[in-house]
Amino acid sequence: MKQSKKNAEKEKLAPEAVKLVDLVDYQEGSVVSRTIIDKKAGTVTLFALDEGEGLSEHTAPYDALIYIVDGEAEVTISGRPVLVSEGETVVISANKPHALRAVKKFKMVLTMIHS
């Protein structure tokens, strides 16, 4: 899922306005990701998940912010499901178990703060 730093360097965004929703495409039955920023202080990654796809429960040692740019997802944090739609955001605290499921196909920006 994660691109190598070498590939990410090749695909740096030009210094111009872009629509995040256009930077990654849906693929049937898949989870697709594109790293936008990968720095020591944190990462910004764009995901596209086809309907029914998801990320299984896991934890991360960093705080994270999920912003939905298209579609609808169910984000479960510490066993509590939260429905998140286009234009909405949810914050996940470090070390909290969480999972995601595409209620409808959706695209999200995941920002993780490492420091």
PDB file of N, CA and C in Angstrom:
ATOM      1  N   MET A   1       0.820  -1.193   0.000  1.00  0.00           N
ATOM      2  CA  MET A   1       0.000   0.000   0.000  1.00  0.00           C
ATOM      3  C   MET A   1       0.866   1.261   0.000  1.00  0.00           C
ATOM      4  N   LYS A   2       1.924   1.287   0.774  1.00  0.00           N
ATOM      5  CA  LYS A   2       2.726   2.501   0.888  1.00  0.00           C
ATOM      6  C   LYS A   2       3.772   2.554  -0.218  1.00  0.00           C
ATOM      7  N   GLN A   3       3.928   3.715  -0.818  1.00  0.00           N
ATOM      8  CA  GLN A   3       4.927   3.901  -1.854  1.00  0.00           C
ATOM      9  C   GLN A   3       6.291   4.037  -1.218  1.00  0.00           C
ATOM     10  N   SER A   4       7.328   3.661  -1.975  1.00  0.00           N
ATOM     11  CA  SER A   4       8.676   3.886  -1.478  1.00  0.00           C
ATOM     12  C   SER A   4       8.983   5.377  -1.552  1.00  0.00           C
ATOM     13  N   LYS A   5       9.934   5.818  -0.722  1.00  0.00           N
ATOM     14  CA  LYS A   5      10.297   7.240  -0.728  1.00  0.00           C
ATOM     15  C   LYS A   5      10.811   7.654  -2.098  1.00  0.00           C
ATOM     16  N   LYS A   6      11.538   6.761  -2.766  1.00  0.00           N
ATOM     17  CA  LYS A   6      12.068   7.069  -4.093  1.00  0.00           C
ATOM     18  C   LYS A   6      10.920   7.367  -5.068  1.00  0.00           C
ATOM     19  N   ASN A   7       9.880   6.528  -5.057  1.00  0.00           N
ATOM     20  CA  ASN A   7       8.723   6.759  -5.926  1.00  0.00           C
ATOM     21  C   ASN A   7       7.977   8.023  -5.537  1.00  0.00           C
ATOM     22  N   ALA A   8       7.846   8.252  -4.230  1.00  0.00           N
ATOM     23  CA  ALA A   8       7.150   9.455  -3.757  1.00  0.00           C
ATOM     24  C   ALA A   8       7.881  10.706  -4.213  1.00  0.00           C
ATOM     25  N   GLU A   9       9.214  10.677  -4.199  1.00  0.00           N
ATOM     26  CA  GLU A   9       9.994  11.829  -4.648  1.00  0.00           C
ATOM     27  C   GLU A   9       9.728  12.113  -6.121  1.00  0.00           C
ATOM     28  N   LYS A  10       9.607  11.063  -6.928  1.00  0.00           N
ATOM     29  CA  LYS A  10       9.352  11.223  -8.357  1.00  0.00           C
ATOM     30  C   LYS A  10       7.984  11.845  -8.624  1.00  0.00           C
ATOM     31  N   GLU A  11       7.030  11.569  -7.727  1.00  0.00           N
ATOM     32  CA  GLU A  11       5.655  12.006  -7.943  1.00  0.00           C
ATOM     33  C   GLU A  11       5.290  13.237  -7.126  1.00  0.00           C
ATOM     34  N   LYS A  12       6.275  14.027  -6.714  1.00  0.00           N
ATOM     35  CA  LYS A  12       5.965  15.235  -5.950  1.00  0.00           C
ATOM     36  C   LYS A  12       4.987  16.098  -6.729  1.00  0.00           C
ATOM     37  N   LEU A  13       4.095  16.721  -5.994  1.00  0.00           N
ATOM     38  CA  LEU A  13       3.107  17.583  -6.616  1.00  0.00           C
ATOM     39  C   LEU A  13       3.755  18.889  -7.048  1.00  0.00           C
ATOM     40  N   ALA A  14       3.341  19.372  -8.187  1.00  0.00           N
ATOM     41  CA  ALA A  14       3.799  20.675  -8.667  1.00  0.00           C
ATOM     42  C   ALA A  14       3.231  21.753  -7.755  1.00  0.00           C
ATOM     43  N   PRO A  15       3.924  22.894  -7.648  1.00  0.00           N
ATOM     44  CA  PRO A  15       3.419  23.977  -6.797  1.00  0.00           C
ATOM     45  C   PRO A  15       2.232  24.692  -7.445  1.00  0.00           C
ATOM     46  N   GLU A  16       1.088  24.013  -7.414  1.00  0.00           N
ATOM     47  CA  GLU A  16      -0.142  24.574  -7.982  1.00  0.00           C
ATOM     48  C   GLU A  16      -1.332  24.006  -7.230  1.00  0.00           C
ATOM     49  N   ALA A  17      -2.459  24.624  -7.378  1.00  0.00           N
ATOM     50  CA  ALA A  17      -3.680  24.143  -6.723  1.00  0.00           C
ATOM     51  C   ALA A  17      -4.164  22.867  -7.404  1.00  0.00           C
ATOM     52  N   VAL A  18      -4.515  21.891  -6.590  1.00  0.00           N
ATOM     53  CA  VAL A  18      -5.043  20.628  -7.101  1.00  0.00           C
ATOM     54  C   VAL A  18      -6.229  20.207  -6.243  1.00  0.00           C
ATOM     55  N   LYS A  19      -7.073  19.360  -6.789  1.00  0.00           N
ATOM     56  CA  LYS A  19      -8.174  18.775  -6.026  1.00  0.00           C
ATOM     57  C   LYS A  19      -7.707  17.424  -5.512  1.00  0.00           C
ATOM     58  N   LEU A  20      -7.685  17.276  -4.184  1.00  0.00           N
ATOM     59  CA  LEU A  20      -7.234  16.021  -3.595  1.00  0.00           C
ATOM     60  C   LEU A  20      -8.008  14.827  -4.139  1.00  0.00           C
ATOM     61  N   VAL A  21      -9.289  15.001  -4.330  1.00  0.00           N
ATOM     62  CA  VAL A  21     -10.147  13.916  -4.794  1.00  0.00           C
ATOM     63  C   VAL A  21      -9.681  13.357  -6.146  1.00  0.00           C
ATOM     64  N   ASP A  22      -8.963  14.153  -6.927  1.00  0.00           N
ATOM     65  CA  ASP A  22      -8.499  13.721  -8.247  1.00  0.00           C
ATOM     66  C   ASP A  22      -7.126  13.050  -8.229  1.00  0.00           C
ATOM     67  N   LEU A  23      -6.455  13.018  -7.081  1.00  0.00           N
ATOM     68  CA  LEU A  23      -5.086  12.514  -7.026  1.00  0.00           C
ATOM     69  C   LEU A  23      -4.969  11.001  -6.855  1.00  0.00           C
ATOM     70  N   VAL A  24      -6.091  10.335  -6.606  1.00  0.00           N
ATOM     71  CA  VAL A  24      -6.091   8.878  -6.495  1.00  0.00           C
ATOM     72  C   VAL A  24      -7.416   8.371  -7.059  1.00  0.00           C
ATOM     73  N   ASP A  25      -7.359   7.236  -7.743  1.00  0.00           N
ATOM     74  CA  ASP A  25      -8.550   6.671  -8.367  1.00  0.00           C
ATOM     75  C   ASP A  25      -9.023   5.428  -7.628  1.00  0.00           C
ATOM     76  N   TYR A  26     -10.317   5.183  -7.704  1.00  0.00           N
ATOM     77  CA  TYR A  26     -10.874   3.950  -7.163  1.00  0.00           C
ATOM     78  C   TYR A  26     -10.450   2.784  -8.049  1.00  0.00           C
ATOM     79  N   GLN A  27     -10.253   1.622  -7.405  1.00  0.00           N
ATOM     80  CA  GLN A  27     -10.021   0.386  -8.140  1.00  0.00           C
ATOM     81  C   GLN A  27     -10.940  -0.663  -7.542  1.00  0.00           C
ATOM     82  N   GLU A  28     -11.643  -1.380  -8.390  1.00  0.00           N
ATOM     83  CA  GLU A  28     -12.625  -2.357  -7.927  1.00  0.00           C
ATOM     84  C   GLU A  28     -11.998  -3.360  -6.966  1.00  0.00           C
ATOM     85  N   GLY A  29     -12.642  -3.511  -5.802  1.00  0.00           N
ATOM     86  CA  GLY A  29     -12.208  -4.476  -4.806  1.00  0.00           C
ATOM     87  C   GLY A  29     -10.880  -4.157  -4.131  1.00  0.00           C
ATOM     88  N   SER A  30     -10.487  -2.886  -4.151  1.00  0.00           N
ATOM     89  CA  SER A  30      -9.153  -2.541  -3.651  1.00  0.00           C
ATOM     90  C   SER A  30      -9.127  -1.338  -2.724  1.00  0.00           C
ATOM     91  N   VAL A  31      -8.011  -1.235  -2.020  1.00  0.00           N
ATOM     92  CA  VAL A  31      -7.649  -0.057  -1.249  1.00  0.00           C
ATOM     93  C   VAL A  31      -6.423   0.521  -1.945  1.00  0.00           C
ATOM     94  N   VAL A  32      -6.513   1.774  -2.360  1.00  0.00           N
ATOM     95  CA  VAL A  32      -5.424   2.434  -3.080  1.00  0.00           C
ATOM     96  C   VAL A  32      -4.940   3.598  -2.231  1.00  0.00           C
ATOM     97  N   SER A  33      -3.613   3.807  -2.185  1.00  0.00           N
ATOM     98  CA  SER A  33      -3.089   4.936  -1.409  1.00  0.00           C
ATOM     99  C   SER A  33      -2.038   5.687  -2.213  1.00  0.00           C
ATOM    100  N   ARG A  34      -1.896   6.962  -1.865  1.00  0.00           N
ATOM    101  CA  ARG A  34      -0.865   7.806  -2.450  1.00  0.00           C
ATOM    102  C   ARG A  34      -0.335   8.726  -1.355  1.00  0.00           C
ATOM    103  N   THR A  35       0.944   8.618  -1.085  1.00  0.00           N
ATOM    104  CA  THR A  35       1.567   9.467  -0.079  1.00  0.00           C
ATOM    105  C   THR A  35       1.799  10.848  -0.682  1.00  0.00           C
ATOM    106  N   ILE A  36       1.300  11.868   0.003  1.00  0.00           N
ATOM    107  CA  ILE A  36       1.440  13.248  -0.448  1.00  0.00           C
ATOM    108  C   ILE A  36       2.644  13.898   0.236  1.00  0.00           C
ATOM    109  N   ILE A  37       2.763  13.684   1.559  1.00  0.00           N
ATOM    110  CA  ILE A  37       3.886  14.200   2.346  1.00  0.00           C
ATOM    111  C   ILE A  37       4.378  13.076   3.250  1.00  0.00           C
ATOM    112  N   ASP A  38       5.694  12.880   3.293  1.00  0.00           N
ATOM    113  CA  ASP A  38       6.290  11.874   4.152  1.00  0.00           C
ATOM    114  C   ASP A  38       7.515  12.500   4.803  1.00  0.00           C
ATOM    115  N   LYS A  39       7.327  13.018   6.000  1.00  0.00           N
ATOM    116  CA  LYS A  39       8.387  13.706   6.735  1.00  0.00           C
ATOM    117  C   LYS A  39       8.533  13.107   8.120  1.00  0.00           C
ATOM    118  N   LYS A  40       9.640  13.405   8.774  1.00  0.00           N
ATOM    119  CA  LYS A  40       9.876  12.926  10.136  1.00  0.00           C
ATOM    120  C   LYS A  40       8.760  13.378  11.083  1.00  0.00           C
ATOM    121  N   ALA A  41       8.238  14.581  10.879  1.00  0.00           N
ATOM    122  CA  ALA A  41       7.204  15.140  11.752  1.00  0.00           C
ATOM    123  C   ALA A  41       5.824  14.547  11.506  1.00  0.00           C
ATOM    124  N   GLY A  42       5.607  13.917  10.348  1.00  0.00           N
ATOM    125  CA  GLY A  42       4.308  13.333  10.068  1.00  0.00           C
ATOM    126  C   GLY A  42       4.108  13.007   8.598  1.00  0.00           C
ATOM    127  N   THR A  43       2.938  12.432   8.307  1.00  0.00           N
ATOM    128  CA  THR A  43       2.615  12.041   6.938  1.00  0.00           C
ATOM    129  C   THR A  43       1.218  12.506   6.564  1.00  0.00           C
ATOM    130  N   VAL A  44       1.034  12.699   5.270  1.00  0.00           N
ATOM    131  CA  VAL A  44      -0.286  12.959   4.706  1.00  0.00           C
ATOM    132  C   VAL A  44      -0.443  11.962   3.564  1.00  0.00           C
ATOM    133  N   THR A  45      -1.475  11.125   3.671  1.00  0.00           N
ATOM    134  CA  THR A  45      -1.692  10.083   2.674  1.00  0.00           C
ATOM    135  C   THR A  45      -3.139  10.131   2.210  1.00  0.00           C
ATOM    136  N   LEU A  46      -3.341  10.006   0.922  1.00  0.00           N
ATOM    137  CA  LEU A  46      -4.668   9.969   0.326  1.00  0.00           C
ATOM    138  C   LEU A  46      -5.013   8.514   0.035  1.00  0.00           C
ATOM    139  N   PHE A  47      -6.221   8.099   0.420  1.00  0.00           N
ATOM    140  CA  PHE A  47      -6.693   6.733   0.202  1.00  0.00           C
ATOM    141  C   PHE A  47      -7.973   6.743  -0.613  1.00  0.00           C
ATOM    142  N   ALA A  48      -8.174   5.700  -1.408  1.00  0.00           N
ATOM    143  CA  ALA A  48      -9.441   5.434  -2.090  1.00  0.00           C
ATOM    144  C   ALA A  48      -9.812   3.990  -1.785  1.00  0.00           C
ATOM    145  N   LEU A  49     -10.988   3.772  -1.189  1.00  0.00           N
ATOM    146  CA  LEU A  49     -11.444   2.437  -0.840  1.00  0.00           C
ATOM    147  C   LEU A  49     -12.744   2.136  -1.565  1.00  0.00           C
ATOM    148  N   ASP A  50     -12.773   1.015  -2.244  1.00  0.00           N
ATOM    149  CA  ASP A  50     -13.981   0.586  -2.933  1.00  0.00           C
ATOM    150  C   ASP A  50     -15.029   0.162  -1.903  1.00  0.00           C
ATOM    151  N   GLU A  51     -16.291   0.234  -2.275  1.00  0.00           N
ATOM    152  CA  GLU A  51     -17.380  -0.144  -1.373  1.00  0.00           C
ATOM    153  C   GLU A  51     -17.134  -1.533  -0.786  1.00  0.00           C
ATOM    154  N   GLY A  52     -17.302  -1.641   0.528  1.00  0.00           N
ATOM    155  CA  GLY A  52     -17.113  -2.912   1.216  1.00  0.00           C
ATOM    156  C   GLY A  52     -15.681  -3.177   1.653  1.00  0.00           C
ATOM    157  N   GLU A  53     -14.735  -2.443   1.123  1.00  0.00           N
ATOM    158  CA  GLU A  53     -13.333  -2.617   1.506  1.00  0.00           C
ATOM    159  C   GLU A  53     -13.073  -1.897   2.814  1.00  0.00           C
ATOM    160  N   GLY A  54     -11.954  -2.199   3.446  1.00  0.00           N
ATOM    161  CA  GLY A  54     -11.642  -1.538   4.698  1.00  0.00           C
ATOM    162  C   GLY A  54     -10.229  -1.796   5.155  1.00  0.00           C
ATOM    163  N   LEU A  55      -9.937  -1.257   6.316  1.00  0.00           N
ATOM    164  CA  LEU A  55      -8.672  -1.494   7.007  1.00  0.00           C
ATOM    165  C   LEU A  55      -9.027  -2.156   8.328  1.00  0.00           C
ATOM    166  N   SER A  56      -8.450  -3.314   8.601  1.00  0.00           N
ATOM    167  CA  SER A  56      -8.785  -4.048   9.815  1.00  0.00           C
ATOM    168  C   SER A  56      -8.295  -3.303  11.053  1.00  0.00           C
ATOM    169  N   GLU A  57      -8.826  -3.700  12.198  1.00  0.00           N
ATOM    170  CA  GLU A  57      -8.492  -3.010  13.442  1.00  0.00           C
ATOM    171  C   GLU A  57      -6.991  -3.052  13.694  1.00  0.00           C
ATOM    172  N   HIS A  58      -6.471  -1.902  14.075  1.00  0.00           N
ATOM    173  CA  HIS A  58      -5.049  -1.756  14.379  1.00  0.00           C
ATOM    174  C   HIS A  58      -4.871  -0.544  15.288  1.00  0.00           C
ATOM    175  N   THR A  59      -3.665  -0.337  15.768  1.00  0.00           N
ATOM    176  CA  THR A  59      -3.341   0.859  16.533  1.00  0.00           C
ATOM    177  C   THR A  59      -2.148   1.531  15.865  1.00  0.00           C
ATOM    178  N   ALA A  60      -1.977   2.802  16.154  1.00  0.00           N
ATOM    179  CA  ALA A  60      -0.828   3.564  15.659  1.00  0.00           C
ATOM    180  C   ALA A  60      -0.298   4.399  16.822  1.00  0.00           C
ATOM    181  N   PRO A  61       1.004   4.591  16.878  1.00  0.00           N
ATOM    182  CA  PRO A  61       1.579   5.340  17.993  1.00  0.00           C
ATOM    183  C   PRO A  61       1.446   6.850  17.861  1.00  0.00           C
ATOM    184  N   TYR A  62       0.663   7.300  16.868  1.00  0.00           N
ATOM    185  CA  TYR A  62       0.531   8.732  16.595  1.00  0.00           C
ATOM    186  C   TYR A  62      -0.936   9.142  16.530  1.00  0.00           C
ATOM    187  N   ASP A  63      -1.198  10.418  16.829  1.00  0.00           N
ATOM    188  CA  ASP A  63      -2.526  10.976  16.599  1.00  0.00           C
ATOM    189  C   ASP A  63      -2.759  11.048  15.092  1.00  0.00           C
ATOM    190  N   ALA A  64      -4.007  10.874  14.688  1.00  0.00           N
ATOM    191  CA  ALA A  64      -4.346  10.904  13.266  1.00  0.00           C
ATOM    192  C   ALA A  64      -5.630  11.686  13.052  1.00  0.00           C
ATOM    193  N   LEU A  65      -5.712  12.333  11.904  1.00  0.00           N
ATOM    194  CA  LEU A  65      -6.915  13.036  11.487  1.00  0.00           C
ATOM    195  C   LEU A  65      -7.329  12.456  10.141  1.00  0.00           C
ATOM    196  N   ILE A  66      -8.586  12.040  10.065  1.00  0.00           N
ATOM    197  CA  ILE A  66      -9.148  11.523   8.809  1.00  0.00           C
ATOM    198  C   ILE A  66     -10.139  12.551   8.299  1.00  0.00           C
ATOM    199  N   TYR A  67      -9.985  12.929   7.027  1.00  0.00           N
ATOM    200  CA  TYR A  67     -10.902  13.862   6.385  1.00  0.00           C
ATOM    201  C   TYR A  67     -11.454  13.176   5.141  1.00  0.00           C
ATOM    202  N   ILE A  68     -12.774  13.046   5.065  1.00  0.00           N
ATOM    203  CA  ILE A  68     -13.414  12.369   3.938  1.00  0.00           C
ATOM    204  C   ILE A  68     -13.630  13.375   2.805  1.00  0.00           C
ATOM    205  N   VAL A  69     -13.041  13.090   1.644  1.00  0.00           N
ATOM    206  CA  VAL A  69     -13.177  13.995   0.496  1.00  0.00           C
ATOM    207  C   VAL A  69     -14.223  13.494  -0.500  1.00  0.00           C
ATOM    208  N   ASP A  70     -14.674  12.242  -0.339  1.00  0.00           N
ATOM    209  CA  ASP A  70     -15.693  11.691  -1.229  1.00  0.00           C
ATOM    210  C   ASP A  70     -16.263  10.434  -0.569  1.00  0.00           C
ATOM    211  N   GLY A  71     -17.568  10.246  -0.653  1.00  0.00           N
ATOM    212  CA  GLY A  71     -18.184   9.012  -0.189  1.00  0.00           C
ATOM    213  C   GLY A  71     -18.505   8.973   1.288  1.00  0.00           C
ATOM    214  N   GLU A  72     -18.530   7.742   1.837  1.00  0.00           N
ATOM    215  CA  GLU A  72     -18.973   7.539   3.213  1.00  0.00           C
ATOM    216  C   GLU A  72     -18.264   6.340   3.835  1.00  0.00           C
ATOM    217  N   ALA A  73     -17.762   6.532   5.054  1.00  0.00           N
ATOM    218  CA  ALA A  73     -17.042   5.465   5.751  1.00  0.00           C
ATOM    219  C   ALA A  73     -17.570   5.292   7.163  1.00  0.00           C
ATOM    220  N   GLU A  74     -17.380   4.096   7.678  1.00  0.00           N
ATOM    221  CA  GLU A  74     -17.614   3.845   9.086  1.00  0.00           C
ATOM    222  C   GLU A  74     -16.240   3.664   9.722  1.00  0.00           C
ATOM    223  N   VAL A  75     -15.933   4.529  10.669  1.00  0.00           N
ATOM    224  CA  VAL A  75     -14.680   4.461  11.402  1.00  0.00           C
ATOM    225  C   VAL A  75     -15.020   3.993  12.808  1.00  0.00           C
ATOM    226  N   THR A  76     -14.433   2.885  13.225  1.00  0.00           N
ATOM    227  CA  THR A  76     -14.676   2.364  14.559  1.00  0.00           C
ATOM    228  C   THR A  76     -13.442   2.652  15.408  1.00  0.00           C
ATOM    229  N   ILE A  77     -13.650   3.391  16.492  1.00  0.00           N
ATOM    230  CA  ILE A  77     -12.563   3.776  17.384  1.00  0.00           C
ATOM    231  C   ILE A  77     -12.873   3.217  18.771  1.00  0.00           C
ATOM    232  N   SER A  78     -11.994   2.383  19.273  1.00  0.00           N
ATOM    233  CA  SER A  78     -12.181   1.741  20.588  1.00  0.00           C
ATOM    234  C   SER A  78     -13.563   1.107  20.696  1.00  0.00           C
ATOM    235  N   GLY A  79     -13.989   0.430  19.626  1.00  0.00           N
ATOM    236  CA  GLY A  79     -15.268  -0.271  19.611  1.00  0.00           C
ATOM    237  C   GLY A  79     -16.479   0.583  19.309  1.00  0.00           C
ATOM    238  N   ARG A  80     -16.299   1.899  19.146  1.00  0.00           N
ATOM    239  CA  ARG A  80     -17.427   2.809  18.896  1.00  0.00           C
ATOM    240  C   ARG A  80     -17.452   3.216  17.420  1.00  0.00           C
ATOM    241  N   PRO A  81     -18.494   2.807  16.665  1.00  0.00           N
ATOM    242  CA  PRO A  81     -18.581   3.177  15.253  1.00  0.00           C
ATOM    243  C   PRO A  81     -19.023   4.630  15.063  1.00  0.00           C
ATOM    244  N   VAL A  82     -18.391   5.294  14.112  1.00  0.00           N
ATOM    245  CA  VAL A  82     -18.726   6.674  13.761  1.00  0.00           C
ATOM    246  C   VAL A  82     -18.888   6.722  12.246  1.00  0.00           C
ATOM    247  N   LEU A  83     -20.048   7.180  11.776  1.00  0.00           N
ATOM    248  CA  LEU A  83     -20.290   7.334  10.349  1.00  0.00           C
ATOM    249  C   LEU A  83     -19.742   8.689   9.917  1.00  0.00           C
ATOM    250  N   VAL A  84     -18.871   8.693   8.901  1.00  0.00           N
ATOM    251  CA  VAL A  84     -18.216   9.910   8.443  1.00  0.00           C
ATOM    252  C   VAL A  84     -18.450  10.046   6.945  1.00  0.00           C
ATOM    253  N   SER A  85     -18.959  11.221   6.521  1.00  0.00           N
ATOM    254  CA  SER A  85     -19.294  11.469   5.121  1.00  0.00           C
ATOM    255  C   SER A  85     -18.444  12.593   4.541  1.00  0.00           C
ATOM    256  N   GLU A  86     -18.572  12.772   3.230  1.00  0.00           N
ATOM    257  CA  GLU A  86     -17.840  13.807   2.517  1.00  0.00           C
ATOM    258  C   GLU A  86     -17.891  15.141   3.266  1.00  0.00           C
ATOM    259  N   GLY A  87     -16.715  15.740   3.452  1.00  0.00           N
ATOM    260  CA  GLY A  87     -16.614  17.019   4.116  1.00  0.00           C
ATOM    261  C   GLY A  87     -16.478  16.929   5.625  1.00  0.00           C
ATOM    262  N   GLU A  88     -16.558  15.715   6.179  1.00  0.00           N
ATOM    263  CA  GLU A  88     -16.455  15.541   7.625  1.00  0.00           C
ATOM    264  C   GLU A  88     -15.103  14.956   8.002  1.00  0.00           C
ATOM    265  N   THR A  89     -14.763  15.134   9.271  1.00  0.00           N
ATOM    266  CA  THR A  89     -13.477  14.668   9.774  1.00  0.00           C
ATOM    267  C   THR A  89     -13.656  13.973  11.110  1.00  0.00           C
ATOM    268  N   VAL A  90     -12.691  13.146  11.452  1.00  0.00           N
ATOM    269  CA  VAL A  90     -12.669  12.489  12.760  1.00  0.00           C
ATOM    270  C   VAL A  90     -11.200  12.393  13.188  1.00  0.00           C
ATOM    271  N   VAL A  91     -10.978  12.565  14.487  1.00  0.00           N
ATOM    272  CA  VAL A  91      -9.632  12.474  15.048  1.00  0.00           C
ATOM    273  C   VAL A  91      -9.513  11.163  15.811  1.00  0.00           C
ATOM    274  N   ILE A  92      -8.394  10.484  15.608  1.00  0.00           N
ATOM    275  CA  ILE A  92      -8.107   9.238  16.320  1.00  0.00           C
ATOM    276  C   ILE A  92      -6.871   9.482  17.177  1.00  0.00           C
ATOM    277  N   SER A  93      -7.021   9.330  18.471  1.00  0.00           N
ATOM    278  CA  SER A  93      -5.896   9.519  19.388  1.00  0.00           C
ATOM    279  C   SER A  93      -4.901   8.376  19.267  1.00  0.00           C
ATOM    280  N   ALA A  94      -3.645   8.676  19.543  1.00  0.00           N
ATOM    281  CA  ALA A  94      -2.589   7.672  19.506  1.00  0.00           C
ATOM    282  C   ALA A  94      -2.951   6.469  20.373  1.00  0.00           C
ATOM    283  N   ASN A  95      -2.578   5.298  19.895  1.00  0.00           N
ATOM    284  CA  ASN A  95      -2.721   4.025  20.614  1.00  0.00           C
ATOM    285  C   ASN A  95      -4.153   3.570  20.844  1.00  0.00           C
ATOM    286  N   LYS A  96      -5.131   4.189  20.186  1.00  0.00           N
ATOM    287  CA  LYS A  96      -6.519   3.740  20.270  1.00  0.00           C
ATOM    288  C   LYS A  96      -6.780   2.748  19.136  1.00  0.00           C
ATOM    289  N   PRO A  97      -7.337   1.579  19.422  1.00  0.00           N
ATOM    290  CA  PRO A  97      -7.650   0.639  18.349  1.00  0.00           C
ATOM    291  C   PRO A  97      -8.723   1.228  17.430  1.00  0.00           C
ATOM    292  N   HIS A  98      -8.512   1.078  16.125  1.00  0.00           N
ATOM    293  CA  HIS A  98      -9.468   1.631  15.160  1.00  0.00           C
ATOM    294  C   HIS A  98      -9.464   0.804  13.885  1.00  0.00           C
ATOM    295  N   ALA A  99     -10.569   0.903  13.159  1.00  0.00           N
ATOM    296  CA  ALA A  99     -10.746   0.209  11.884  1.00  0.00           C
ATOM    297  C   ALA A  99     -11.606   1.096  10.993  1.00  0.00           C
ATOM    298  N   LEU A 100     -11.534   0.852   9.680  1.00  0.00           N
ATOM    299  CA  LEU A 100     -12.338   1.614   8.713  1.00  0.00           C
ATOM    300  C   LEU A 100     -13.024   0.656   7.759  1.00  0.00           C
ATOM    301  N   ARG A 101     -14.229   1.040   7.340  1.00  0.00           N
ATOM    302  CA  ARG A 101     -14.979   0.243   6.358  1.00  0.00           C
ATOM    303  C   ARG A 101     -15.711   1.194   5.433  1.00  0.00           C
ATOM    304  N   ALA A 102     -15.660   0.905   4.142  1.00  0.00           N
ATOM    305  CA  ALA A 102     -16.343   1.734   3.154  1.00  0.00           C
ATOM    306  C   ALA A 102     -17.819   1.362   3.098  1.00  0.00           C
ATOM    307  N   VAL A 103     -18.679   2.218   3.646  1.00  0.00           N
ATOM    308  CA  VAL A 103     -20.122   2.044   3.536  1.00  0.00           C
ATOM    309  C   VAL A 103     -20.507   2.250   2.072  1.00  0.00           C
ATOM    310  N   LYS A 104     -19.966   3.303   1.480  1.00  0.00           N
ATOM    311  CA  LYS A 104     -19.979   3.563   0.040  1.00  0.00           C
ATOM    312  C   LYS A 104     -18.511   3.767  -0.297  1.00  0.00           C
ATOM    313  N   LYS A 105     -18.145   3.618  -1.558  1.00  0.00           N
ATOM    314  CA  LYS A 105     -16.737   3.867  -1.853  1.00  0.00           C
ATOM    315  C   LYS A 105     -16.390   5.276  -1.378  1.00  0.00           C
ATOM    316  N   PHE A 106     -15.185   5.412  -0.843  1.00  0.00           N
ATOM    317  CA  PHE A 106     -14.816   6.714  -0.298  1.00  0.00           C
ATOM    318  C   PHE A 106     -13.333   6.998  -0.478  1.00  0.00           C
ATOM    319  N   LYS A 107     -13.034   8.295  -0.443  1.00  0.00           N
ATOM    320  CA  LYS A 107     -11.651   8.765  -0.466  1.00  0.00           C
ATOM    321  C   LYS A 107     -11.433   9.590   0.791  1.00  0.00           C
ATOM    322  N   MET A 108     -10.241   9.414   1.376  1.00  0.00           N
ATOM    323  CA  MET A 108      -9.934  10.151   2.600  1.00  0.00           C
ATOM    324  C   MET A 108      -8.499  10.619   2.577  1.00  0.00           C
ATOM    325  N   VAL A 109      -8.268  11.697   3.318  1.00  0.00           N
ATOM    326  CA  VAL A 109      -6.926  12.154   3.594  1.00  0.00           C
ATOM    327  C   VAL A 109      -6.617  11.756   5.024  1.00  0.00           C
ATOM    328  N   LEU A 110      -5.528  11.040   5.199  1.00  0.00           N
ATOM    329  CA  LEU A 110      -5.074  10.631   6.526  1.00  0.00           C
ATOM    330  C   LEU A 110      -3.837  11.448   6.867  1.00  0.00           C
ATOM    331  N   THR A 111      -3.923  12.241   7.929  1.00  0.00           N
ATOM    332  CA  THR A 111      -2.791  13.037   8.400  1.00  0.00           C
ATOM    333  C   THR A 111      -2.366  12.460   9.737  1.00  0.00           C
ATOM    334  N   MET A 112      -1.105  12.022   9.810  1.00  0.00           N
ATOM    335  CA  MET A 112      -0.563  11.484  11.054  1.00  0.00           C
ATOM    336  C   MET A 112       0.537  12.406  11.541  1.00  0.00           C
ATOM    337  N   ILE A 113       0.457  12.798  12.811  1.00  0.00           N
ATOM    338  CA  ILE A 113       1.421  13.689  13.421  1.00  0.00           C
ATOM    339  C   ILE A 113       2.369  12.862  14.272  1.00  0.00           C
ATOM    340  N   HIS A 114       3.645  12.875  13.925  1.00  0.00           N
ATOM    341  CA  HIS A 114       4.633  12.041  14.617  1.00  0.00           C
ATOM    342  C   HIS A 114       5.287  12.705  15.814  1.00  0.00           C
ATOM    343  N   SER A 115       5.151  14.008  15.942  1.00  0.00           N
ATOM    344  CA  SER A 115       5.819  14.662  17.067  1.00  0.00           C
ATOM    345  C   SER A 115       4.895  15.656  17.754  1.00  0.00           C
TER     346      SER A 115
END
